[in-house]
């Protein structure tokens, strides 16, 4: 009889603990896979990712209109939740954008931010100053030029005045002024 009651208690503990264990087990993760960046591909020249789509963004460094396409050199930056490059972040290397057609240099000028999505075409060897550099190159299936952000925050000084009374055995008056 004691054995059955002990078994019943153990079963109750098990049934209570099971949902907790399932919940806690669901909170674990296998770790975060780091994103593939232009910098990592430049260093490895990994051919296995050729043809895969990537979404990268950054600041335009230069633009060259060629006979049937335009080549844009970009300094990559992390993207925010909207896909806009965060130029305040750490640079993630350089990459080239191959756009099939003409891009107006006056519109796509140096310093503006863009985001591009497309397949990795391969690698192009070039120079940054006198240093050799291997650029990963994306075909621009989607290209987004971001407008210069204009801060809409304007601080207006304001003054608040408040008076308070208290009770509960104690009397007091408070005055506050805020700017």
N, C-alpha and C. Protein backbone atom coordinates (compact mmCIF):
# COMPACT_ATOMS: atom_id res chain seq x y z
N UNK A 1 0.81 -1.18 0.00
CA UNK A 1 0.00 0.00 0.00
C UNK A 1 0.87 1.26 0.00
N UNK A 2 1.93 1.21 0.78
CA UNK A 2 2.83 2.36 0.83
C UNK A 2 3.48 2.57 -0.53
N UNK A 3 3.77 1.48 -1.20
CA UNK A 3 4.38 1.57 -2.52
C UNK A 3 3.48 2.26 -3.52
N UNK A 4 2.16 1.98 -3.46
CA UNK A 4 1.21 2.60 -4.39
C UNK A 4 1.06 4.09 -4.12
N UNK A 5 1.01 4.47 -2.85
CA UNK A 5 0.88 5.90 -2.54
C UNK A 5 2.16 6.65 -2.91
N UNK A 6 3.30 6.01 -2.75
CA UNK A 6 4.56 6.62 -3.15
C UNK A 6 4.60 6.78 -4.67
N UNK A 7 4.08 5.78 -5.38
CA UNK A 7 4.02 5.86 -6.83
C UNK A 7 3.07 6.97 -7.28
N UNK A 8 1.95 7.14 -6.58
CA UNK A 8 1.00 8.20 -6.91
C UNK A 8 1.62 9.57 -6.70
N UNK A 9 2.38 9.74 -5.62
CA UNK A 9 3.05 11.02 -5.36
C UNK A 9 4.10 11.28 -6.43
N UNK A 10 4.87 10.26 -6.78
CA UNK A 10 5.89 10.43 -7.82
C UNK A 10 5.25 10.78 -9.15
N UNK A 11 4.12 10.16 -9.47
CA UNK A 11 3.41 10.44 -10.71
C UNK A 11 2.90 11.87 -10.73
N UNK A 12 2.39 12.34 -9.60
CA UNK A 12 1.91 13.73 -9.52
C UNK A 12 3.07 14.70 -9.73
N UNK A 13 4.20 14.43 -9.11
CA UNK A 13 5.37 15.29 -9.28
C UNK A 13 5.82 15.29 -10.75
N UNK A 14 5.80 14.12 -11.35
CA UNK A 14 6.21 14.01 -12.74
C UNK A 14 5.26 14.80 -13.66
N UNK A 15 3.96 14.64 -13.44
CA UNK A 15 2.99 15.34 -14.27
C UNK A 15 3.06 16.85 -14.06
N UNK A 16 3.42 17.28 -12.86
CA UNK A 16 3.59 18.71 -12.61
C UNK A 16 4.87 19.22 -13.29
N UNK A 17 5.93 18.43 -13.23
CA UNK A 17 7.22 18.87 -13.76
C UNK A 17 7.29 18.80 -15.28
N UNK A 18 6.52 17.92 -15.90
CA UNK A 18 6.59 17.73 -17.34
C UNK A 18 6.32 19.01 -18.14
N UNK A 19 5.24 19.75 -17.88
CA UNK A 19 5.04 21.00 -18.65
C UNK A 19 6.15 22.02 -18.42
N UNK A 20 6.66 22.06 -17.20
CA UNK A 20 7.75 22.99 -16.91
C UNK A 20 8.99 22.62 -17.73
N UNK A 21 9.31 21.34 -17.77
CA UNK A 21 10.47 20.90 -18.54
C UNK A 21 10.29 21.16 -20.04
N UNK A 22 9.09 20.93 -20.54
CA UNK A 22 8.82 21.20 -21.96
C UNK A 22 8.96 22.69 -22.25
N UNK A 23 8.43 23.53 -21.38
CA UNK A 23 8.53 24.98 -21.57
C UNK A 23 9.98 25.44 -21.54
N UNK A 24 10.72 25.00 -20.55
CA UNK A 24 12.13 25.41 -20.43
C UNK A 24 12.94 24.86 -21.60
N UNK A 25 12.66 23.65 -22.01
CA UNK A 25 13.37 23.07 -23.15
C UNK A 25 13.10 23.83 -24.44
N UNK A 26 11.91 24.38 -24.57
CA UNK A 26 11.57 25.17 -25.76
C UNK A 26 12.27 26.51 -25.80
N UNK A 27 12.82 26.94 -24.69
CA UNK A 27 13.50 28.23 -24.63
C UNK A 27 14.96 28.14 -25.04
N UNK A 28 15.49 26.94 -25.17
CA UNK A 28 16.89 26.81 -25.54
C UNK A 28 17.05 27.03 -27.03
N UNK A 29 18.26 27.38 -27.42
CA UNK A 29 18.52 27.56 -28.84
C UNK A 29 19.84 26.89 -29.19
N UNK A 30 20.01 26.63 -30.45
CA UNK A 30 21.22 25.98 -30.92
C UNK A 30 22.33 26.99 -31.16
N UNK A 31 22.09 28.24 -30.87
CA UNK A 31 23.09 29.27 -31.13
C UNK A 31 22.72 30.04 -32.38
N UNK A 32 23.28 31.21 -32.50
CA UNK A 32 22.97 32.08 -33.62
C UNK A 32 24.02 31.89 -34.71
N UNK A 33 23.55 31.68 -35.92
CA UNK A 33 24.47 31.55 -37.05
C UNK A 33 24.82 32.96 -37.52
N UNK A 34 26.11 33.27 -37.56
CA UNK A 34 26.48 34.63 -37.98
C UNK A 34 26.10 34.86 -39.44
N UNK A 35 25.69 36.09 -39.77
CA UNK A 35 25.30 36.37 -41.16
C UNK A 35 26.53 36.35 -42.08
N UNK A 36 26.28 36.05 -43.34
CA UNK A 36 27.34 36.09 -44.33
C UNK A 36 27.51 37.55 -44.75
N UNK A 37 28.69 38.08 -44.54
CA UNK A 37 28.96 39.49 -44.84
C UNK A 37 29.91 39.59 -46.03
N UNK A 38 29.93 40.75 -46.68
CA UNK A 38 30.91 40.95 -47.75
C UNK A 38 32.34 40.72 -47.26
N UNK A 39 32.62 41.13 -46.03
CA UNK A 39 33.96 40.97 -45.47
C UNK A 39 34.34 39.50 -45.35
N UNK A 40 33.41 38.67 -44.86
CA UNK A 40 33.72 37.24 -44.71
C UNK A 40 33.90 36.57 -46.07
N UNK A 41 33.10 36.97 -47.06
CA UNK A 41 33.25 36.39 -48.40
C UNK A 41 34.50 36.89 -49.09
N UNK A 42 34.87 38.14 -48.85
CA UNK A 42 36.09 38.68 -49.43
C UNK A 42 37.31 37.90 -48.95
N UNK A 43 37.30 37.55 -47.67
CA UNK A 43 38.43 36.82 -47.09
C UNK A 43 38.47 35.37 -47.56
N UNK A 44 37.30 34.74 -47.72
CA UNK A 44 37.28 33.31 -48.04
C UNK A 44 37.15 33.01 -49.53
N UNK A 45 36.56 33.92 -50.29
CA UNK A 45 36.26 33.71 -51.71
C UNK A 45 35.52 32.39 -51.91
N UNK A 46 34.57 32.13 -51.03
CA UNK A 46 33.80 30.88 -51.03
C UNK A 46 32.95 30.78 -52.29
N UNK A 47 33.24 29.81 -53.14
CA UNK A 47 32.50 29.62 -54.39
C UNK A 47 31.18 28.88 -54.18
N UNK A 48 31.03 28.22 -53.03
CA UNK A 48 29.81 27.43 -52.80
C UNK A 48 28.57 28.30 -52.64
N UNK A 49 28.74 29.58 -52.36
CA UNK A 49 27.58 30.46 -52.18
C UNK A 49 27.26 31.25 -53.46
N UNK A 50 28.02 31.00 -54.51
CA UNK A 50 27.77 31.67 -55.78
C UNK A 50 26.36 31.32 -56.26
N UNK A 51 25.59 32.33 -56.64
CA UNK A 51 24.21 32.13 -57.08
C UNK A 51 23.19 32.28 -55.96
N UNK A 52 23.64 32.25 -54.70
CA UNK A 52 22.70 32.44 -53.58
C UNK A 52 22.34 33.92 -53.45
N UNK A 53 21.11 34.19 -53.06
CA UNK A 53 20.66 35.56 -52.85
C UNK A 53 21.13 36.08 -51.50
N UNK A 54 21.55 37.33 -51.51
CA UNK A 54 21.93 38.04 -50.29
C UNK A 54 21.26 39.39 -50.31
N UNK A 55 21.03 39.94 -49.13
CA UNK A 55 20.57 41.31 -48.99
C UNK A 55 21.61 42.04 -48.17
N UNK A 56 22.29 42.97 -48.82
CA UNK A 56 23.31 43.78 -48.18
C UNK A 56 22.98 45.24 -48.42
N UNK A 57 23.54 46.09 -47.60
CA UNK A 57 23.35 47.51 -47.78
C UNK A 57 24.55 48.26 -47.27
N UNK A 58 24.60 49.53 -47.63
CA UNK A 58 25.71 50.35 -47.17
C UNK A 58 25.70 51.71 -47.83
N UNK A 59 26.86 52.32 -47.79
CA UNK A 59 27.07 53.67 -48.31
C UNK A 59 27.77 53.59 -49.67
N UNK A 60 27.23 54.33 -50.64
CA UNK A 60 27.83 54.33 -51.98
C UNK A 60 29.20 54.99 -51.92
N UNK A 61 30.21 54.28 -52.44
CA UNK A 61 31.56 54.84 -52.53
C UNK A 61 31.83 55.39 -53.93
N UNK A 62 31.42 54.66 -54.95
CA UNK A 62 31.62 55.12 -56.32
C UNK A 62 30.63 54.43 -57.24
N UNK A 63 30.49 54.99 -58.44
CA UNK A 63 29.56 54.46 -59.43
C UNK A 63 30.21 54.58 -60.80
N UNK A 64 30.13 53.52 -61.60
CA UNK A 64 30.67 53.53 -62.97
C UNK A 64 29.61 53.01 -63.92
N UNK A 65 29.22 53.86 -64.87
CA UNK A 65 28.29 53.41 -65.91
C UNK A 65 29.11 52.80 -67.03
N UNK A 66 28.83 51.53 -67.32
CA UNK A 66 29.50 50.81 -68.39
C UNK A 66 28.53 50.68 -69.57
N UNK A 67 28.90 49.95 -70.60
CA UNK A 67 28.09 49.91 -71.81
C UNK A 67 26.66 49.44 -71.56
N UNK A 68 26.47 48.32 -70.85
CA UNK A 68 25.12 47.79 -70.67
C UNK A 68 24.71 47.63 -69.21
N UNK A 69 25.55 48.05 -68.30
CA UNK A 69 25.22 47.93 -66.89
C UNK A 69 25.98 48.99 -66.09
N UNK A 70 25.60 49.10 -64.84
CA UNK A 70 26.25 50.05 -63.93
C UNK A 70 26.85 49.26 -62.78
N UNK A 71 28.06 49.65 -62.41
CA UNK A 71 28.74 49.01 -61.29
C UNK A 71 28.86 50.03 -60.15
N UNK A 72 28.37 49.62 -58.97
CA UNK A 72 28.40 50.50 -57.80
C UNK A 72 29.27 49.84 -56.74
N UNK A 73 30.23 50.60 -56.21
CA UNK A 73 31.05 50.12 -55.09
C UNK A 73 30.41 50.62 -53.81
N UNK A 74 30.22 49.71 -52.85
CA UNK A 74 29.49 50.02 -51.63
C UNK A 74 30.30 49.59 -50.41
N UNK A 75 30.33 50.44 -49.38
CA UNK A 75 30.86 50.06 -48.07
C UNK A 75 29.69 49.51 -47.28
N UNK A 76 29.75 48.24 -46.92
CA UNK A 76 28.63 47.56 -46.26
C UNK A 76 28.53 47.93 -44.79
N UNK A 77 27.29 48.04 -44.32
CA UNK A 77 26.99 48.27 -42.91
C UNK A 77 25.85 47.33 -42.51
N UNK A 78 25.70 47.10 -41.20
CA UNK A 78 24.56 46.27 -40.76
C UNK A 78 23.24 46.93 -41.16
N UNK A 79 22.23 46.11 -41.37
CA UNK A 79 20.90 46.60 -41.73
C UNK A 79 20.01 46.63 -40.50
N UNK A 80 19.16 47.66 -40.42
CA UNK A 80 18.20 47.71 -39.31
C UNK A 80 16.98 46.85 -39.67
N UNK A 81 15.96 46.88 -38.84
CA UNK A 81 14.78 46.05 -39.06
C UNK A 81 14.02 46.40 -40.34
N UNK A 82 14.23 47.60 -40.86
CA UNK A 82 13.58 48.02 -42.10
C UNK A 82 14.44 47.76 -43.33
N UNK A 83 15.65 47.22 -43.12
CA UNK A 83 16.56 46.98 -44.23
C UNK A 83 17.42 48.16 -44.59
N UNK A 84 17.36 49.22 -43.79
CA UNK A 84 18.17 50.41 -44.03
C UNK A 84 19.55 50.22 -43.41
N UNK A 85 20.62 50.54 -44.14
CA UNK A 85 21.96 50.41 -43.57
C UNK A 85 22.16 51.37 -42.39
N UNK A 86 22.80 50.87 -41.35
CA UNK A 86 23.13 51.67 -40.18
C UNK A 86 24.57 52.13 -40.31
N UNK A 87 24.77 53.30 -40.92
CA UNK A 87 26.11 53.81 -41.17
C UNK A 87 26.85 54.16 -39.89
N UNK A 88 26.17 54.15 -38.75
CA UNK A 88 26.83 54.36 -37.47
C UNK A 88 27.43 53.08 -36.93
N UNK A 89 27.12 51.95 -37.56
CA UNK A 89 27.65 50.66 -37.12
C UNK A 89 29.04 50.42 -37.69
N UNK A 90 29.62 49.29 -37.34
CA UNK A 90 30.95 48.94 -37.85
C UNK A 90 30.84 48.49 -39.31
N UNK A 91 31.75 48.94 -40.17
CA UNK A 91 31.73 48.51 -41.57
C UNK A 91 31.89 46.99 -41.68
N UNK A 92 31.21 46.41 -42.66
CA UNK A 92 31.24 44.96 -42.88
C UNK A 92 31.94 44.60 -44.18
N UNK A 93 32.84 45.44 -44.64
CA UNK A 93 33.56 45.18 -45.87
C UNK A 93 32.93 45.91 -47.05
N UNK A 94 33.52 45.69 -48.21
CA UNK A 94 33.05 46.33 -49.44
C UNK A 94 32.47 45.28 -50.37
N UNK A 95 31.56 45.72 -51.22
CA UNK A 95 31.03 44.83 -52.25
C UNK A 95 30.66 45.65 -53.48
N UNK A 96 30.49 44.95 -54.59
CA UNK A 96 30.09 45.59 -55.84
C UNK A 96 28.65 45.20 -56.16
N UNK A 97 27.94 46.15 -56.73
CA UNK A 97 26.58 45.91 -57.21
C UNK A 97 26.61 46.02 -58.72
N UNK A 98 26.10 45.00 -59.39
CA UNK A 98 25.99 45.02 -60.85
C UNK A 98 24.52 45.24 -61.19
N UNK A 99 24.23 46.46 -61.66
CA UNK A 99 22.85 46.81 -62.01
C UNK A 99 22.70 46.75 -63.52
N UNK A 100 21.76 45.95 -64.05
CA UNK A 100 21.58 45.85 -65.50
C UNK A 100 20.86 47.08 -66.03
N UNK A 101 21.61 48.03 -66.51
CA UNK A 101 21.03 49.26 -67.01
C UNK A 101 21.81 50.46 -66.51
N UNK A 102 21.22 51.63 -66.68
CA UNK A 102 21.86 52.89 -66.36
C UNK A 102 21.33 53.43 -65.03
N UNK A 103 22.25 53.84 -64.17
CA UNK A 103 21.88 54.56 -62.94
C UNK A 103 22.45 55.97 -63.04
N UNK A 104 21.65 56.95 -62.74
CA UNK A 104 22.05 58.35 -62.83
C UNK A 104 23.02 58.68 -61.70
N UNK A 105 24.27 59.07 -62.05
CA UNK A 105 25.26 59.39 -61.02
C UNK A 105 24.85 60.55 -60.11
N UNK A 106 24.05 61.48 -60.64
CA UNK A 106 23.61 62.60 -59.80
C UNK A 106 22.63 62.12 -58.73
N UNK A 107 21.89 61.05 -59.02
CA UNK A 107 20.93 60.51 -58.06
C UNK A 107 21.61 59.52 -57.11
N UNK A 108 22.46 58.66 -57.66
CA UNK A 108 23.17 57.63 -56.87
C UNK A 108 24.57 58.14 -56.56
N UNK A 109 24.64 59.18 -55.76
CA UNK A 109 25.93 59.81 -55.50
C UNK A 109 26.59 59.25 -54.24
N UNK A 110 27.86 59.49 -54.17
CA UNK A 110 28.69 59.00 -53.07
C UNK A 110 28.13 59.47 -51.72
N UNK A 111 28.10 58.55 -50.77
CA UNK A 111 27.63 58.88 -49.42
C UNK A 111 26.19 58.50 -49.15
N UNK A 112 25.38 58.32 -50.21
CA UNK A 112 23.99 57.92 -50.00
C UNK A 112 23.92 56.43 -49.65
N UNK A 113 22.85 56.06 -48.98
CA UNK A 113 22.68 54.68 -48.54
C UNK A 113 21.80 53.92 -49.51
N UNK A 114 22.15 52.65 -49.74
CA UNK A 114 21.31 51.79 -50.56
C UNK A 114 21.29 50.38 -49.99
N UNK A 115 20.25 49.66 -50.34
CA UNK A 115 20.10 48.24 -49.99
C UNK A 115 19.84 47.49 -51.28
N UNK A 116 20.51 46.37 -51.43
CA UNK A 116 20.39 45.57 -52.66
C UNK A 116 20.15 44.11 -52.29
N UNK A 117 19.31 43.46 -53.08
CA UNK A 117 19.09 42.02 -52.95
C UNK A 117 19.31 41.39 -54.32
N UNK A 118 20.06 40.30 -54.31
CA UNK A 118 20.31 39.59 -55.55
C UNK A 118 21.31 38.48 -55.35
N UNK A 119 21.54 37.70 -56.40
CA UNK A 119 22.47 36.58 -56.28
C UNK A 119 23.93 37.03 -56.34
N UNK A 120 24.77 36.26 -55.65
CA UNK A 120 26.21 36.51 -55.72
C UNK A 120 26.69 36.04 -57.08
N UNK A 121 27.26 36.98 -57.85
CA UNK A 121 27.76 36.65 -59.19
C UNK A 121 29.13 36.01 -59.14
N UNK A 122 29.90 36.36 -58.12
CA UNK A 122 31.27 35.88 -58.00
C UNK A 122 32.10 36.95 -57.33
N UNK A 123 33.37 37.00 -57.72
CA UNK A 123 34.32 37.92 -57.08
C UNK A 123 35.07 38.69 -58.15
N UNK A 124 35.38 39.94 -57.84
CA UNK A 124 36.15 40.79 -58.73
C UNK A 124 37.35 41.31 -57.95
N UNK A 125 38.53 41.10 -58.49
CA UNK A 125 39.73 41.61 -57.84
C UNK A 125 39.92 43.07 -58.21
N UNK A 126 40.25 43.87 -57.22
CA UNK A 126 40.47 45.29 -57.43
C UNK A 126 41.45 45.83 -56.41
N UNK A 127 41.46 47.13 -56.27
CA UNK A 127 42.38 47.78 -55.34
C UNK A 127 41.60 48.76 -54.47
N UNK A 128 42.03 48.85 -53.22
CA UNK A 128 41.58 49.90 -52.32
C UNK A 128 42.86 50.65 -51.97
N UNK A 129 43.01 51.83 -52.56
CA UNK A 129 44.31 52.49 -52.48
C UNK A 129 45.31 51.65 -53.27
N UNK A 130 46.38 51.24 -52.60
CA UNK A 130 47.37 50.38 -53.26
C UNK A 130 47.22 48.92 -52.84
N UNK A 131 46.29 48.66 -51.93
CA UNK A 131 46.10 47.30 -51.43
C UNK A 131 45.17 46.51 -52.35
N UNK A 132 45.50 45.23 -52.55
CA UNK A 132 44.63 44.35 -53.31
C UNK A 132 43.38 44.05 -52.50
N UNK A 133 42.25 43.96 -53.18
CA UNK A 133 40.99 43.67 -52.50
C UNK A 133 40.12 42.80 -53.40
N UNK A 134 39.51 41.78 -52.82
CA UNK A 134 38.60 40.90 -53.57
C UNK A 134 37.17 41.30 -53.20
N UNK A 135 36.46 41.83 -54.18
CA UNK A 135 35.08 42.29 -53.99
C UNK A 135 34.09 41.17 -54.30
N UNK A 136 33.20 40.83 -53.37
CA UNK A 136 32.05 40.01 -53.76
C UNK A 136 31.12 40.89 -54.59
N UNK A 137 30.53 40.34 -55.64
CA UNK A 137 29.67 41.12 -56.53
C UNK A 137 28.27 40.52 -56.56
N UNK A 138 27.27 41.38 -56.33
CA UNK A 138 25.86 40.98 -56.38
C UNK A 138 25.21 41.56 -57.62
N UNK A 139 24.32 40.79 -58.24
CA UNK A 139 23.45 41.35 -59.28
C UNK A 139 22.27 42.00 -58.56
N UNK A 140 21.91 43.19 -58.96
CA UNK A 140 20.84 43.93 -58.29
C UNK A 140 19.48 43.52 -58.85
N UNK A 141 18.86 42.52 -58.24
CA UNK A 141 17.48 42.19 -58.60
C UNK A 141 16.52 43.19 -57.97
N UNK A 142 16.87 43.65 -56.77
CA UNK A 142 16.10 44.70 -56.08
C UNK A 142 17.10 45.72 -55.56
N UNK A 143 16.81 46.98 -55.78
CA UNK A 143 17.70 48.06 -55.36
C UNK A 143 16.87 49.15 -54.71
N UNK A 144 17.26 49.55 -53.52
CA UNK A 144 16.53 50.60 -52.78
C UNK A 144 17.52 51.69 -52.41
N UNK A 145 17.30 52.89 -52.94
CA UNK A 145 18.09 54.06 -52.56
C UNK A 145 17.34 54.77 -51.45
N UNK A 146 18.01 54.97 -50.33
CA UNK A 146 17.36 55.56 -49.16
C UNK A 146 17.54 57.07 -49.18
N UNK A 147 16.47 57.81 -48.89
CA UNK A 147 16.60 59.27 -48.81
C UNK A 147 17.44 59.64 -47.60
N UNK A 148 18.08 60.79 -47.70
CA UNK A 148 18.82 61.28 -46.53
C UNK A 148 17.83 61.46 -45.41
N UNK A 149 18.18 60.96 -44.25
CA UNK A 149 17.24 61.08 -43.12
C UNK A 149 17.30 62.50 -42.57
N UNK A 150 16.13 63.02 -42.33
CA UNK A 150 16.01 64.36 -41.77
C UNK A 150 15.41 64.20 -40.39
N UNK A 151 16.09 64.75 -39.42
CA UNK A 151 15.59 64.64 -38.06
C UNK A 151 14.37 65.54 -37.90
N UNK A 152 13.28 64.97 -37.43
CA UNK A 152 12.07 65.74 -37.22
C UNK A 152 11.92 66.15 -35.77
N UNK A 153 12.88 65.79 -34.94
CA UNK A 153 12.80 66.12 -33.52
C UNK A 153 13.22 67.57 -33.32
N UNK A 154 12.31 68.34 -32.79
CA UNK A 154 12.62 69.73 -32.45
C UNK A 154 12.22 69.91 -31.00
N UNK A 155 13.19 70.25 -30.18
CA UNK A 155 12.92 70.40 -28.76
C UNK A 155 12.28 71.76 -28.51
N UNK A 156 11.08 71.73 -27.98
CA UNK A 156 10.40 72.95 -27.60
C UNK A 156 10.46 73.06 -26.09
N UNK A 157 11.04 74.11 -25.59
CA UNK A 157 11.03 74.25 -24.14
C UNK A 157 9.60 74.48 -23.65
N UNK A 158 9.25 73.80 -22.61
CA UNK A 158 7.93 74.01 -22.02
C UNK A 158 8.07 74.05 -20.51
N UNK A 159 7.13 74.71 -19.88
CA UNK A 159 7.17 74.83 -18.44
C UNK A 159 5.90 74.24 -17.87
N UNK A 160 6.03 73.44 -16.85
CA UNK A 160 4.90 72.84 -16.17
C UNK A 160 4.88 73.32 -14.73
N UNK A 161 3.69 73.53 -14.21
CA UNK A 161 3.54 73.97 -12.83
C UNK A 161 2.50 73.08 -12.18
N UNK A 162 2.81 72.54 -11.02
CA UNK A 162 1.87 71.66 -10.34
C UNK A 162 1.83 71.94 -8.86
N UNK A 163 0.66 71.74 -8.28
CA UNK A 163 0.47 71.90 -6.84
C UNK A 163 -0.17 70.61 -6.34
N UNK A 164 0.30 70.09 -5.22
CA UNK A 164 -0.26 68.87 -4.67
C UNK A 164 -0.53 69.01 -3.18
N UNK A 165 -1.55 68.32 -2.71
CA UNK A 165 -1.89 68.31 -1.29
C UNK A 165 -1.91 66.86 -0.84
N UNK A 166 -1.54 66.62 0.39
CA UNK A 166 -1.55 65.26 0.91
C UNK A 166 -2.28 65.19 2.23
N UNK A 167 -2.73 63.99 2.58
CA UNK A 167 -3.38 63.79 3.87
C UNK A 167 -2.99 62.41 4.37
N UNK A 168 -3.75 61.88 5.32
CA UNK A 168 -3.41 60.58 5.88
C UNK A 168 -2.64 60.75 7.17
N UNK A 169 -2.97 61.75 7.91
CA UNK A 169 -2.28 61.99 9.16
C UNK A 169 -1.21 63.04 9.04
N UNK A 170 -0.80 63.33 7.81
CA UNK A 170 0.22 64.35 7.62
C UNK A 170 -0.33 65.37 6.63
N UNK A 171 0.00 66.59 6.80
CA UNK A 171 -0.41 67.64 5.88
C UNK A 171 0.84 68.18 5.21
N UNK A 172 0.72 68.37 3.92
CA UNK A 172 1.85 68.98 3.22
C UNK A 172 1.34 69.60 1.93
N UNK A 173 2.11 70.50 1.43
CA UNK A 173 1.83 71.13 0.14
C UNK A 173 3.12 71.03 -0.66
N UNK A 174 2.99 70.63 -1.90
CA UNK A 174 4.17 70.55 -2.76
C UNK A 174 3.99 71.39 -3.99
N UNK A 175 5.03 72.01 -4.42
CA UNK A 175 5.02 72.81 -5.64
C UNK A 175 6.18 72.32 -6.50
N UNK A 176 5.90 72.09 -7.75
CA UNK A 176 6.96 71.65 -8.65
C UNK A 176 6.94 72.45 -9.93
N UNK A 177 8.11 72.75 -10.42
CA UNK A 177 8.24 73.45 -11.69
C UNK A 177 9.20 72.62 -12.54
N UNK A 178 8.79 72.31 -13.75
CA UNK A 178 9.64 71.52 -14.64
C UNK A 178 9.88 72.25 -15.94
N UNK A 179 11.02 72.02 -16.53
CA UNK A 179 11.36 72.65 -17.81
C UNK A 179 11.59 71.60 -18.85
